Every structure is written in C-alpha cells, then in structure tokens.
Amino acid sequence: MAWVITKEGVKKGELKCKICGKILKGAEGIEDAEFHIFECHPEVAWEGENPRDYIEFIEEVDSDG
C-alpha cells in the first residue's frame, strides 16, 4: 500500500505503471514507483521524460461505510 500526497491531502492506495499495467505492490510511495519506471522502462529516462507521468494512483476505497 502506498501513501501519496494529493491536493486533497494524504491518500492511501496502490500505484500502477501506465506502460505495462503492473500494480506496484511493494511501492510505499511515488519514489518506489519511479524506481520501477527507471528499471523496467529505461526509454522514459533516455527521452528525458518525467517518470511520474507514467504512474497512476488508485485510491483505496473505504469499505466500512
């Protein structure tokens, strides 16, 4: 589970790679997800693109309500 700072505050959820569609289960934050992009999709870094553009945040839905 990852913790991400958004405009609405800190949110809990999962991070997903937009390139390969993999849910990054071990990622605890955006930096861990960036590491996946650099390791598995180095063409993003070669092109000088922002790796965060290839990371999707999926907010955890509270099932208590």
C-alpha atoms as a PDB file:
ATOM      1  CA  MET A   1       0.000   0.000   0.000  1.00  0.00           C
ATOM      2  CA  ALA A   2       1.308   3.412  -0.909  1.00  0.00           C
ATOM      3  CA  TRP A   3       0.808   6.797   0.698  1.00  0.00           C
ATOM      4  CA  VAL A   4       0.649   9.716  -1.737  1.00  0.00           C
ATOM      5  CA  ILE A   5       0.264  13.448  -1.128  1.00  0.00           C
ATOM      6  CA  THR A   6      -2.524  14.905  -3.275  1.00  0.00           C
ATOM      7  CA  LYS A   7      -4.217  18.299  -3.436  1.00  0.00           C
ATOM      8  CA  GLU A   8      -6.844  16.908  -1.047  1.00  0.00           C
ATOM      9  CA  GLY A   9      -4.266  15.635   1.459  1.00  0.00           C
ATOM     10  CA  VAL A  10      -2.501  12.338   2.087  1.00  0.00           C
ATOM     11  CA  LYS A  11      -4.233   9.378   0.436  1.00  0.00           C
ATOM     12  CA  LYS A  12      -3.729   5.629   0.755  1.00  0.00           C
ATOM     13  CA  GLY A  13      -3.901   3.361  -2.281  1.00  0.00           C
ATOM     14  CA  GLU A  14      -1.920   1.494  -4.906  1.00  0.00           C
ATOM     15  CA  LEU A  15       0.407   2.658  -7.643  1.00  0.00           C
ATOM     16  CA  LYS A  16       0.170   1.288 -11.174  1.00  0.00           C
ATOM     17  CA  CYS A  17       2.558   1.544 -14.104  1.00  0.00           C
ATOM     18  CA  LYS A  18       0.744   3.040 -17.099  1.00  0.00           C
ATOM     19  CA  ILE A  19       3.242   1.442 -19.501  1.00  0.00           C
ATOM     20  CA  CYS A  20       2.943  -2.237 -18.548  1.00  0.00           C
ATOM     21  CA  GLY A  21      -0.159  -2.104 -16.350  1.00  0.00           C
ATOM     22  CA  LYS A  22       1.588  -3.689 -13.377  1.00  0.00           C
ATOM     23  CA  ILE A  23       0.277  -2.879  -9.886  1.00  0.00           C
ATOM     24  CA  LEU A  24       3.389  -1.953  -7.919  1.00  0.00           C
ATOM     25  CA  LYS A  25       2.579  -3.933  -4.753  1.00  0.00           C
ATOM     26  CA  GLY A  26       5.854  -3.213  -2.959  1.00  0.00           C
ATOM     27  CA  ALA A  27       5.792   0.521  -3.641  1.00  0.00           C
ATOM     28  CA  GLU A  28       5.262   2.539  -0.469  1.00  0.00           C
ATOM     29  CA  GLY A  29       5.464   5.886  -2.241  1.00  0.00           C
ATOM     30  CA  ILE A  30       5.967   7.621  -5.550  1.00  0.00           C
ATOM     31  CA  GLU A  31       9.760   7.248  -5.350  1.00  0.00           C
ATOM     32  CA  ASP A  32       9.430   3.449  -5.303  1.00  0.00           C
ATOM     33  CA  ALA A  33       7.195   3.615  -8.369  1.00  0.00           C
ATOM     34  CA  GLU A  34       9.718   5.858 -10.137  1.00  0.00           C
ATOM     35  CA  PHE A  35      12.346   3.183  -9.491  1.00  0.00           C
ATOM     36  CA  HIS A  36      10.145   0.670 -11.375  1.00  0.00           C
ATOM     37  CA  ILE A  37       9.929   3.058 -14.338  1.00  0.00           C
ATOM     38  CA  PHE A  38      13.718   3.561 -14.446  1.00  0.00           C
ATOM     39  CA  GLU A  39      14.474  -0.157 -14.052  1.00  0.00           C
ATOM     40  CA  CYS A  40      11.822  -1.651 -16.349  1.00  0.00           C
ATOM     41  CA  HIS A  41      11.228   1.167 -18.831  1.00  0.00           C
ATOM     42  CA  PRO A  42      14.575   2.993 -19.226  1.00  0.00           C
ATOM     43  CA  GLU A  43      13.426   4.560 -22.502  1.00  0.00           C
ATOM     44  CA  VAL A  44      11.452   7.049 -20.378  1.00  0.00           C
ATOM     45  CA  ALA A  45      14.675   8.308 -18.795  1.00  0.00           C
ATOM     46  CA  TRP A  46      16.540   8.232 -22.115  1.00  0.00           C
ATOM     47  CA  GLU A  47      13.915  10.522 -23.643  1.00  0.00           C
ATOM     48  CA  GLY A  48      14.161  12.879 -20.656  1.00  0.00           C
ATOM     49  CA  GLU A  49      10.502  12.413 -19.736  1.00  0.00           C
ATOM     50  CA  ASN A  50       9.054  12.650 -16.232  1.00  0.00           C
ATOM     51  CA  PRO A  51       8.565   9.120 -14.824  1.00  0.00           C
ATOM     52  CA  ARG A  52       5.657  10.355 -12.685  1.00  0.00           C
ATOM     53  CA  ASP A  53       3.658  10.845 -15.884  1.00  0.00           C
ATOM     54  CA  TYR A  54       3.648   7.056 -16.240  1.00  0.00           C
ATOM     55  CA  ILE A  55       2.413   6.256 -12.730  1.00  0.00           C
ATOM     56  CA  GLU A  56      -1.272   6.024 -11.875  1.00  0.00           C
ATOM     57  CA  PHE A  57      -2.566   6.325  -8.306  1.00  0.00           C
ATOM     58  CA  ILE A  58      -5.549   4.147  -7.431  1.00  0.00           C
ATOM     59  CA  GLU A  59      -7.092   5.392  -4.197  1.00  0.00           C
ATOM     60  CA  GLU A  60      -8.205   2.781  -1.688  1.00  0.00           C
ATOM     61  CA  VAL A  61     -11.967   2.798  -1.216  1.00  0.00           C
ATOM     62  CA  ASP A  62     -13.137   2.724   2.390  1.00  0.00           C
ATOM     63  CA  SER A  63     -15.414  -0.306   2.692  1.00  0.00           C
ATOM     64  CA  ASP A  64     -16.570   0.479   6.248  1.00  0.00           C
ATOM     65  CA  GLY A  65     -19.400   2.765   5.154  1.00  0.00           C
END
